[in-house]
Amino acid sequence: MDPATYDEDAYRAELRRKMQASEVIVYQALFAPEHLAPGQPVLVAATSSGMIHIYLLGKVMVRGGIRPLPSAPHPLHTGTKSAVASTCAHLPPIPYVRTNCCFVRTTSSPGPNLSFQAHPTQIYALRFAGDGTNPLLISSGGDQDFRVWSWKDVLAAAESPASAKTLEPVHIAHLERRTLGFRGALLPASEVNDIAVSNAAGHHLFLAGGDSVAQEWDLHTQQFTRQYEGHKEYLHAVRYLQHSQELVTGSEDGTLGIWDVRQDKKVEFLRPQPAVTTSSPSASSQPLWVGAVAHDASEMWLACGGGKRHAPGGRAQHAQASGGFLGMWHLPSRVPVHYTETSSDVHDVAFHHMELLSVGNDASLKKWNRSSGQLLAAAHSTLPSCHFCVVDDATDIIAVGGTAPMIDIYTMPGVVSFSLVVEDAATRCT
């Protein structure tokens, strides 16, 4: 460093940028449905700083010699040594073209083709809605808003820097605020932790709120139509079952709520719990939280994951309660299939062929036998803790993200094929 050219302000700004980049959390991502993707896998990711990143994966995968076959099975194999394919620490400076509200990537290196500031704070959930003529991207998070974006505008900006323009949501709303007491004191609006879409037309949204209530919102009328109350703690997850027209919610109170959207009454609550044995008669009384919910394509099987709750200030007292769980139900009969304890909290679950995938508070992507709950394989991840795992149905690609500024992409059995760079600090709009 030349003392004559040393710039204190620039040095501090660079340190701040690197610190912000290292602290980025990727809370959620999803692949665009095949009919909404331009002939290649498209991944949408949301971060703790309110950024949405769009990745067009076709060129990246072809350049690296990776050509996934949609019909090929994609199992995770045990005993396979992980290959950390991420080279993000050694990437050169990445050129961008700046528009009014976003930065458009001009190279094919493994980073976002488009990044834009969608929310002022963290984004917890993403979902596609609408129809083929007017596809929509829904985002929600800790700022208490959920926002509706035109997917055509977002995709056009990602595909062509020349067409990039100011991206604005077509609608912004927040959950209905609740009242308290006989005077009707208005409580603060709560965050939206997850989103589900009702049907192929995609005009009804179900929003899992931090106030323990799920709310239904009509995209056409832009009005709330119903509230689903009954949980005692805030909601982590929500899923909609198209065939039975039921809503499934997962809550911090350790229960799964199943609601018939055609009726004004709840159906029932399911509580994941281990079988009581003589050696551990109190095991079933251990309080749990449910943080992830998934169903298979047939909607016959329902999986959930989460962890064990700890009393405030009771770390030593509850040291034996570390670890998480996976639960499985046969939905039509509501019969529990298995309860499986895991070595760490489970943050997300996904059905994949005839198995179940999970990620959680460790550096691995696990594959389970969904009928017995037996662990079949564990693939290493470059992330210290994972928040989501999503599967692209068209190509069988798996994406995993969490507490690091990168997203692991699995295209080969049990190995990280490459990692996408998440560059919030470098691409944040000012």
Protein backbone atom coordinates (compact mmCIF):
# COMPACT_ATOMS: atom_id res chain seq x y z
CA MET A 1 0.00 0.00 0.00
CA ASP A 2 1.37 3.38 -1.02
CA PRO A 3 0.90 5.86 1.85
CA ALA A 4 0.79 8.69 -0.66
CA THR A 5 -2.32 7.26 -2.36
CA TYR A 6 -3.99 5.81 0.74
CA ASP A 7 -7.65 6.81 0.99
CA GLU A 8 -9.09 6.25 4.47
CA ASP A 9 -12.71 6.67 3.38
CA ALA A 10 -12.32 4.25 0.47
CA TYR A 11 -10.60 1.71 2.72
CA ARG A 12 -13.40 1.90 5.29
CA ALA A 13 -16.02 1.60 2.55
CA GLU A 14 -14.32 -1.51 1.18
CA LEU A 15 -14.17 -3.11 4.63
CA ARG A 16 -17.84 -2.30 5.16
CA ARG A 17 -18.73 -3.80 1.78
CA LYS A 18 -16.85 -7.03 2.53
CA MET A 19 -18.44 -7.29 5.98
CA GLN A 20 -21.93 -6.80 4.57
CA ALA A 21 -21.27 -9.40 1.87
CA SER A 22 -20.04 -11.95 4.41
CA GLU A 23 -23.17 -11.50 6.55
CA VAL A 24 -25.70 -12.03 3.76
CA ILE A 25 -28.32 -14.72 4.44
CA VAL A 26 -30.24 -16.25 1.54
CA TYR A 27 -33.58 -17.02 3.15
CA GLN A 28 -35.49 -18.35 0.17
CA ALA A 29 -35.18 -19.30 -3.48
CA LEU A 30 -37.31 -21.04 -6.08
CA PHE A 31 -37.01 -22.19 -9.66
CA ALA A 32 -39.32 -20.63 -12.22
CA PRO A 33 -41.86 -23.15 -13.59
CA GLU A 34 -40.83 -24.54 -16.97
CA HIS A 35 -43.51 -22.61 -18.85
CA LEU A 36 -42.23 -19.34 -17.34
CA ALA A 37 -38.53 -20.00 -17.99
CA PRO A 38 -36.93 -19.05 -21.34
CA GLY A 39 -35.71 -22.51 -22.30
CA GLN A 40 -33.29 -22.78 -19.38
CA PRO A 41 -33.40 -23.11 -15.58
CA VAL A 42 -34.12 -19.78 -13.87
CA LEU A 43 -33.50 -19.41 -10.15
CA VAL A 44 -34.95 -16.56 -8.08
CA ALA A 45 -33.30 -15.90 -4.71
CA ALA A 46 -34.13 -13.51 -1.86
CA THR A 47 -31.78 -12.27 0.85
CA SER A 48 -31.60 -10.72 4.29
CA SER A 49 -30.99 -7.27 2.84
CA GLY A 50 -34.17 -7.20 0.77
CA MET A 51 -32.53 -8.01 -2.57
CA ILE A 52 -33.95 -10.33 -5.22
CA HIS A 53 -31.43 -12.01 -7.54
CA ILE A 54 -32.28 -13.66 -10.86
CA TYR A 55 -29.97 -16.39 -12.20
CA LEU A 56 -30.23 -17.67 -15.78
CA LEU A 57 -28.42 -20.98 -15.41
CA GLY A 58 -28.33 -22.23 -19.00
CA LYS A 59 -25.09 -20.53 -20.08
CA VAL A 60 -23.34 -21.20 -16.78
CA MET A 61 -24.08 -24.92 -16.96
CA VAL A 62 -23.15 -25.31 -20.63
CA ARG A 63 -19.89 -23.40 -20.18
CA GLY A 64 -18.94 -25.72 -17.33
CA GLY A 65 -19.81 -28.82 -19.33
CA ILE A 66 -22.83 -29.58 -17.13
CA ARG A 67 -25.84 -30.75 -19.10
CA PRO A 68 -28.49 -32.22 -16.77
CA LEU A 69 -30.95 -34.64 -18.34
CA PRO A 70 -34.56 -34.10 -17.24
CA SER A 71 -35.28 -37.82 -17.34
CA ALA A 72 -32.15 -38.92 -15.46
CA PRO A 73 -32.48 -39.90 -11.79
CA HIS A 74 -30.66 -37.66 -9.33
CA PRO A 75 -30.03 -39.66 -6.15
CA LEU A 76 -27.53 -38.68 -3.48
CA HIS A 77 -24.92 -41.38 -2.95
CA THR A 78 -23.27 -42.22 0.35
CA GLY A 79 -19.53 -42.41 0.54
CA THR A 80 -18.99 -39.78 -2.17
CA LYS A 81 -16.44 -37.18 -1.22
CA SER A 82 -17.81 -33.69 -1.70
CA ALA A 83 -16.22 -31.41 -4.26
CA VAL A 84 -16.42 -27.76 -3.38
CA ALA A 85 -16.87 -26.18 -6.77
CA SER A 86 -17.32 -22.63 -5.59
CA THR A 87 -14.61 -20.22 -6.71
CA CYS A 88 -16.32 -17.11 -5.47
CA ALA A 89 -13.37 -16.09 -3.29
CA HIS A 90 -11.15 -15.85 -6.37
CA LEU A 91 -13.52 -14.26 -8.86
CA PRO A 92 -12.31 -11.06 -10.50
CA PRO A 93 -14.36 -7.87 -10.27
CA ILE A 94 -17.67 -8.42 -12.02
CA PRO A 95 -18.88 -5.88 -14.58
CA TYR A 96 -22.39 -4.51 -14.27
CA VAL A 97 -24.54 -2.10 -16.22
CA ARG A 98 -26.40 0.24 -13.90
CA THR A 99 -30.01 1.17 -14.53
CA ASN A 100 -32.25 3.42 -12.45
CA CYS A 101 -33.01 0.83 -9.78
CA CYS A 102 -30.93 -2.24 -10.45
CA PHE A 103 -27.66 -3.65 -11.71
CA VAL A 104 -27.65 -6.03 -14.67
CA ARG A 105 -24.82 -8.52 -14.91
CA THR A 106 -23.02 -8.45 -18.26
CA THR A 107 -20.93 -11.63 -17.91
CA SER A 108 -21.83 -15.29 -17.74
CA SER A 109 -19.86 -15.98 -14.54
CA PRO A 110 -21.79 -17.73 -11.74
CA GLY A 111 -23.57 -14.73 -10.32
CA PRO A 112 -26.93 -13.00 -10.74
CA ASN A 113 -27.98 -11.76 -14.16
CA LEU A 114 -30.21 -9.25 -12.41
CA SER A 115 -30.32 -7.88 -8.87
CA PHE A 116 -32.81 -5.36 -7.52
CA GLN A 117 -33.89 -3.97 -4.17
CA ALA A 118 -37.36 -5.46 -3.66
CA HIS A 119 -37.87 -4.74 0.07
CA PRO A 120 -36.13 -2.45 2.57
CA THR A 121 -35.45 -5.39 4.90
CA GLN A 122 -35.16 -9.18 4.76
CA ILE A 123 -37.27 -11.27 2.38
CA TYR A 124 -38.55 -14.56 3.80
CA ALA A 125 -40.72 -15.97 1.01
CA LEU A 126 -41.11 -16.07 -2.77
CA ARG A 127 -43.87 -17.63 -4.86
CA PHE A 128 -45.14 -17.55 -8.44
CA ALA A 129 -48.80 -16.73 -9.08
CA GLY A 130 -51.04 -15.50 -11.87
CA ASP A 131 -51.41 -17.33 -15.18
CA GLY A 132 -49.51 -17.78 -18.42
CA THR A 133 -50.61 -14.44 -19.84
CA ASN A 134 -49.87 -12.46 -16.69
CA PRO A 135 -47.36 -14.35 -14.53
CA LEU A 136 -46.55 -12.76 -11.20
CA LEU A 137 -43.78 -13.06 -8.64
CA ILE A 138 -44.83 -12.57 -5.00
CA SER A 139 -42.33 -11.59 -2.31
CA SER A 140 -42.79 -11.05 1.41
CA GLY A 141 -40.68 -10.54 4.48
CA GLY A 142 -39.86 -8.72 7.65
CA ASP A 143 -41.01 -5.29 6.52
CA GLN A 144 -44.63 -6.48 6.98
CA ASP A 145 -45.38 -6.06 3.26
CA PHE A 146 -46.02 -8.55 0.52
CA ARG A 147 -45.32 -7.27 -2.97
CA VAL A 148 -46.54 -8.36 -6.40
CA TRP A 149 -44.14 -8.10 -9.36
CA SER A 150 -44.67 -8.62 -13.08
CA TRP A 151 -42.56 -11.67 -13.93
CA LYS A 152 -42.39 -10.63 -17.60
CA ASP A 153 -40.76 -7.32 -16.62
CA VAL A 154 -38.32 -9.02 -14.26
CA LEU A 155 -37.35 -11.65 -16.83
CA ALA A 156 -36.94 -9.07 -19.60
CA ALA A 157 -34.55 -7.08 -17.43
CA ALA A 158 -32.55 -10.21 -16.62
CA GLU A 159 -32.31 -11.37 -20.24
CA SER A 160 -31.40 -8.09 -21.91
CA PRO A 161 -29.50 -5.20 -20.29
CA ALA A 162 -30.86 -2.90 -22.99
CA SER A 163 -34.41 -3.58 -21.81
CA ALA A 164 -33.64 -3.06 -18.14
CA LYS A 165 -35.85 -0.42 -16.61
CA THR A 166 -37.07 0.71 -13.25
CA LEU A 167 -38.73 -2.26 -11.65
CA GLU A 168 -41.67 -1.37 -9.46
CA PRO A 169 -44.15 -3.72 -7.81
CA VAL A 170 -47.59 -3.73 -9.38
CA HIS A 171 -49.11 -3.95 -5.91
CA ILE A 172 -48.02 -3.59 -2.28
CA ALA A 173 -50.08 -4.71 0.71
CA HIS A 174 -49.64 -6.01 4.25
CA LEU A 175 -51.51 -8.37 6.53
CA GLU A 176 -54.67 -7.08 8.13
CA ARG A 177 -53.86 -5.63 11.51
CA ARG A 178 -55.58 -7.18 14.51
CA THR A 179 -57.23 -5.44 17.43
CA LEU A 180 -56.91 -6.01 21.15
CA GLY A 181 -59.24 -5.28 24.06
CA PHE A 182 -62.72 -3.83 24.25
CA ARG A 183 -61.49 -0.53 22.83
CA GLY A 184 -60.12 -2.26 19.76
CA ALA A 185 -56.52 -1.16 20.11
CA LEU A 186 -54.79 -1.64 16.76
CA LEU A 187 -51.83 -4.02 16.94
CA PRO A 188 -48.78 -3.60 14.68
CA ALA A 189 -48.78 -5.35 11.33
CA SER A 190 -46.82 -8.60 11.41
CA GLU A 191 -44.24 -10.09 9.06
CA VAL A 192 -45.16 -12.58 6.32
CA ASN A 193 -43.09 -15.75 6.72
CA ASP A 194 -44.42 -17.87 3.86
CA ILE A 195 -46.78 -17.81 0.87
CA ALA A 196 -48.95 -20.43 -0.85
CA VAL A 197 -50.98 -20.14 -4.06
CA SER A 198 -54.39 -21.76 -4.41
CA ASN A 199 -54.73 -23.13 -7.92
CA ALA A 200 -53.50 -23.17 -11.52
CA ALA A 201 -55.00 -19.74 -12.13
CA GLY A 202 -53.08 -18.56 -9.09
CA HIS A 203 -55.39 -15.76 -8.03
CA HIS A 204 -55.69 -16.64 -4.32
CA LEU A 205 -52.73 -16.19 -1.97
CA PHE A 206 -52.39 -17.66 1.51
CA LEU A 207 -50.02 -15.76 3.78
CA ALA A 208 -48.44 -17.18 6.94
CA GLY A 209 -48.15 -14.35 9.44
CA GLY A 210 -46.12 -13.63 12.52
CA ASP A 211 -49.37 -13.02 14.41
CA SER A 212 -50.21 -16.79 14.35
CA VAL A 213 -52.90 -16.24 11.69
CA ALA A 214 -52.97 -17.30 8.03
CA GLN A 215 -54.80 -14.90 5.74
CA GLU A 216 -56.29 -15.41 2.29
CA TRP A 217 -55.94 -12.63 -0.27
CA ASP A 218 -57.61 -12.36 -3.69
CA LEU A 219 -55.29 -11.08 -6.41
CA HIS A 220 -58.21 -10.01 -8.61
CA THR A 221 -60.07 -7.91 -6.06
CA GLN A 222 -56.94 -7.11 -4.00
CA GLN A 223 -58.92 -7.82 -0.86
CA PHE A 224 -58.53 -10.20 2.09
CA THR A 225 -61.27 -12.82 2.05
CA ARG A 226 -60.64 -14.99 5.11
CA GLN A 227 -58.53 -15.53 8.23
CA TYR A 228 -57.45 -18.94 9.55
CA GLU A 229 -57.08 -18.67 13.32
CA GLY A 230 -56.26 -21.35 15.86
CA HIS A 231 -52.50 -21.51 16.31
CA LYS A 232 -50.98 -20.24 19.55
CA GLU A 233 -47.66 -19.08 18.10
CA TYR A 234 -46.47 -17.47 14.88
CA LEU A 235 -46.53 -19.36 11.59
CA HIS A 236 -43.42 -20.58 9.79
CA ALA A 237 -44.90 -22.30 6.75
CA VAL A 238 -48.05 -22.64 4.67
CA ARG A 239 -48.97 -25.01 1.80
CA TYR A 240 -52.12 -25.44 -0.27
CA LEU A 241 -53.47 -28.84 -1.35
CA GLN A 242 -55.13 -28.45 -4.74
CA HIS A 243 -57.07 -31.73 -4.83
CA SER A 244 -58.65 -31.61 -1.38
CA GLN A 245 -58.74 -27.79 -1.24
CA GLU A 246 -57.10 -27.75 2.17
CA LEU A 247 -54.60 -25.39 3.70
CA VAL A 248 -51.70 -26.72 5.79
CA THR A 249 -49.90 -24.46 8.26
CA GLY A 250 -46.79 -25.10 10.35
CA SER A 251 -46.32 -23.14 13.56
CA GLU A 252 -43.88 -22.35 16.34
CA ASP A 253 -46.40 -23.99 18.70
CA GLY A 254 -45.35 -27.40 17.34
CA THR A 255 -48.51 -28.22 15.41
CA LEU A 256 -49.68 -28.56 11.83
CA GLY A 257 -53.06 -27.00 11.11
CA ILE A 258 -55.23 -28.45 8.31
CA TRP A 259 -58.05 -26.20 7.17
CA ASP A 260 -60.82 -26.80 4.63
CA VAL A 261 -60.98 -23.59 2.61
CA ARG A 262 -64.57 -24.41 1.56
CA GLN A 263 -65.80 -24.32 5.15
CA ASP A 264 -65.59 -21.84 7.99
CA LYS A 265 -64.19 -24.31 10.45
CA LYS A 266 -60.77 -25.83 10.92
CA VAL A 267 -60.40 -29.52 10.17
CA GLU A 268 -57.86 -30.58 12.76
CA PHE A 269 -54.38 -30.15 14.18
CA LEU A 270 -51.60 -32.69 13.84
CA ARG A 271 -48.77 -32.77 16.35
CA PRO A 272 -45.49 -34.48 15.43
CA GLN A 273 -44.19 -36.44 18.39
CA PRO A 274 -42.08 -39.53 19.03
CA ALA A 275 -43.61 -42.76 20.18
CA VAL A 276 -43.65 -43.13 23.96
CA THR A 277 -41.30 -45.84 25.21
CA THR A 278 -40.53 -47.21 28.66
CA SER A 279 -36.97 -45.87 28.43
CA SER A 280 -38.10 -42.32 27.63
CA PRO A 281 -41.69 -41.87 28.83
CA SER A 282 -41.40 -38.07 28.74
CA ALA A 283 -40.09 -37.87 25.18
CA SER A 284 -43.49 -37.07 23.73
CA SER A 285 -43.89 -34.10 26.07
CA GLN A 286 -40.82 -32.31 24.69
CA PRO A 287 -42.09 -29.06 23.11
CA LEU A 288 -41.35 -28.73 19.40
CA TRP A 289 -41.60 -26.11 16.67
CA VAL A 290 -42.57 -26.84 13.06
CA GLY A 291 -40.57 -24.77 10.59
CA ALA A 292 -41.01 -26.59 7.28
CA VAL A 293 -43.92 -28.28 5.49
CA ALA A 294 -44.02 -30.11 2.14
CA HIS A 295 -46.30 -32.48 0.24
CA ASP A 296 -45.64 -34.77 -2.70
CA ALA A 297 -47.13 -34.33 -6.17
CA SER A 298 -49.99 -36.73 -5.43
CA GLU A 299 -50.82 -34.84 -2.21
CA MET A 300 -51.05 -38.17 -0.42
CA TRP A 301 -48.03 -37.60 1.80
CA LEU A 302 -47.25 -34.69 4.09
CA ALA A 303 -43.80 -34.08 5.56
CA CYS A 304 -42.70 -31.58 8.16
CA GLY A 305 -39.50 -30.66 9.94
CA GLY A 306 -38.38 -28.48 12.79
CA GLY A 307 -36.68 -28.58 16.15
CA LYS A 308 -37.04 -28.74 19.89
CA ARG A 309 -37.99 -25.64 21.81
CA HIS A 310 -35.78 -24.34 24.60
CA ALA A 311 -37.02 -22.42 27.61
CA PRO A 312 -35.59 -18.88 27.85
CA GLY A 313 -32.33 -18.96 29.76
CA GLY A 314 -32.53 -22.73 30.10
CA ARG A 315 -29.64 -23.84 27.92
CA ALA A 316 -28.04 -26.06 30.56
CA GLN A 317 -31.38 -27.37 31.71
CA HIS A 318 -32.38 -28.37 28.19
CA ALA A 319 -28.97 -29.42 26.88
CA GLN A 320 -30.36 -32.88 26.19
CA ALA A 321 -33.02 -31.37 23.89
CA SER A 322 -30.65 -30.47 21.04
CA GLY A 323 -31.43 -31.69 17.54
CA GLY A 324 -34.47 -31.60 15.32
CA PHE A 325 -36.99 -33.94 13.72
CA LEU A 326 -38.73 -35.08 10.56
CA GLY A 327 -42.35 -36.19 10.53
CA MET A 328 -44.47 -37.86 7.85
CA TRP A 329 -48.24 -38.40 7.53
CA HIS A 330 -50.54 -40.19 5.14
CA LEU A 331 -52.84 -37.27 4.39
CA PRO A 332 -56.16 -38.95 3.52
CA SER A 333 -56.16 -41.02 6.71
CA ARG A 334 -54.19 -38.54 8.88
CA VAL A 335 -52.11 -41.51 10.06
CA PRO A 336 -48.54 -40.70 11.16
CA VAL A 337 -46.00 -42.75 9.19
CA HIS A 338 -42.86 -41.98 11.16
CA TYR A 339 -41.18 -39.50 13.48
CA THR A 340 -37.41 -39.32 13.00
CA GLU A 341 -35.02 -37.43 15.24
CA THR A 342 -32.22 -35.55 13.48
CA SER A 343 -28.84 -34.30 14.67
CA SER A 344 -29.74 -30.66 13.99
CA ASP A 345 -32.79 -28.47 13.47
CA VAL A 346 -34.57 -28.98 10.15
CA HIS A 347 -35.21 -25.76 8.22
CA ASP A 348 -36.66 -27.10 4.96
CA VAL A 349 -37.89 -30.34 3.42
CA ALA A 350 -38.64 -31.30 -0.18
CA PHE A 351 -39.90 -34.44 -1.91
CA HIS A 352 -37.51 -35.74 -4.57
CA HIS A 353 -38.48 -38.84 -6.56
CA MET A 354 -39.28 -41.46 -3.90
CA GLU A 355 -37.15 -39.88 -1.19
CA LEU A 356 -37.26 -36.85 1.06
CA LEU A 357 -34.60 -34.12 1.11
CA SER A 358 -33.86 -31.94 4.12
CA VAL A 359 -31.51 -29.14 5.13
CA GLY A 360 -31.00 -27.52 8.48
CA ASN A 361 -28.57 -26.13 10.98
CA ASP A 362 -25.54 -27.94 9.57
CA ALA A 363 -23.48 -28.10 6.38
CA SER A 364 -25.26 -30.93 4.59
CA LEU A 365 -28.07 -31.91 2.26
CA LYS A 366 -29.64 -35.12 3.55
CA LYS A 367 -31.69 -37.75 1.74
CA TRP A 368 -34.19 -39.91 3.66
CA ASN A 369 -36.37 -42.90 2.98
CA ARG A 370 -39.74 -41.24 3.18
CA SER A 371 -41.54 -44.40 4.29
CA SER A 372 -39.24 -45.41 7.16
CA GLY A 373 -37.39 -42.19 7.98
CA GLN A 374 -34.03 -43.90 7.51
CA LEU A 375 -31.12 -41.66 6.54
CA LEU A 376 -29.89 -42.77 3.12
CA ALA A 377 -27.18 -40.22 2.34
CA ALA A 378 -25.70 -36.88 3.35
CA ALA A 379 -24.04 -34.64 0.77
CA HIS A 380 -21.70 -31.93 1.99
CA SER A 381 -22.64 -28.28 1.47
CA THR A 382 -20.31 -25.30 1.35
CA LEU A 383 -22.73 -23.45 3.66
CA PRO A 384 -22.36 -23.61 7.46
CA SER A 385 -26.15 -23.61 7.91
CA CYS A 386 -28.86 -24.08 5.27
CA HIS A 387 -32.28 -22.41 5.12
CA PHE A 388 -33.82 -23.94 1.99
CA CYS A 389 -33.54 -26.71 -0.58
CA VAL A 390 -35.53 -26.49 -3.81
CA VAL A 391 -35.76 -28.80 -6.83
CA ASP A 392 -36.29 -27.81 -10.45
CA ASP A 393 -38.83 -30.31 -11.78
CA ALA A 394 -37.76 -29.80 -15.40
CA THR A 395 -34.02 -30.49 -14.96
CA ASP A 396 -33.77 -32.18 -11.54
CA ILE A 397 -31.31 -29.52 -10.33
CA ILE A 398 -31.22 -28.96 -6.57
CA ALA A 399 -30.39 -25.55 -5.06
CA VAL A 400 -29.41 -25.07 -1.40
CA GLY A 401 -28.82 -21.75 0.35
CA GLY A 402 -28.52 -20.25 3.81
CA THR A 403 -26.07 -18.37 6.01
CA ALA A 404 -23.46 -17.52 3.38
CA PRO A 405 -23.33 -15.28 0.28
CA MET A 406 -23.64 -18.23 -2.12
CA ILE A 407 -26.09 -20.88 -3.32
CA ASP A 408 -24.96 -24.47 -3.87
CA ILE A 409 -26.16 -26.16 -7.07
CA TYR A 410 -26.31 -29.96 -7.25
CA THR A 411 -26.51 -31.47 -10.74
CA MET A 412 -24.53 -34.65 -10.02
CA PRO A 413 -25.19 -37.23 -7.32
CA GLY A 414 -24.03 -36.10 -3.92
CA VAL A 415 -21.65 -33.37 -5.09
CA VAL A 416 -21.85 -29.58 -5.22
CA SER A 417 -21.48 -28.98 -8.97
CA PHE A 418 -20.92 -25.25 -8.55
CA SER A 419 -21.96 -22.37 -6.34
CA LEU A 420 -23.73 -19.18 -7.35
CA VAL A 421 -22.39 -15.96 -5.91
CA VAL A 422 -24.80 -13.70 -4.00
CA GLU A 423 -23.44 -10.17 -4.12
CA ASP A 424 -25.78 -7.95 -2.15
CA ALA A 425 -23.10 -5.51 -1.04
CA ALA A 426 -21.69 -5.14 -4.53
CA THR A 427 -25.03 -4.67 -6.27
CA ARG A 428 -27.10 -2.80 -3.72
CA CYS A 429 -28.83 0.22 -5.19
CA THR A 430 -28.31 3.58 -3.53
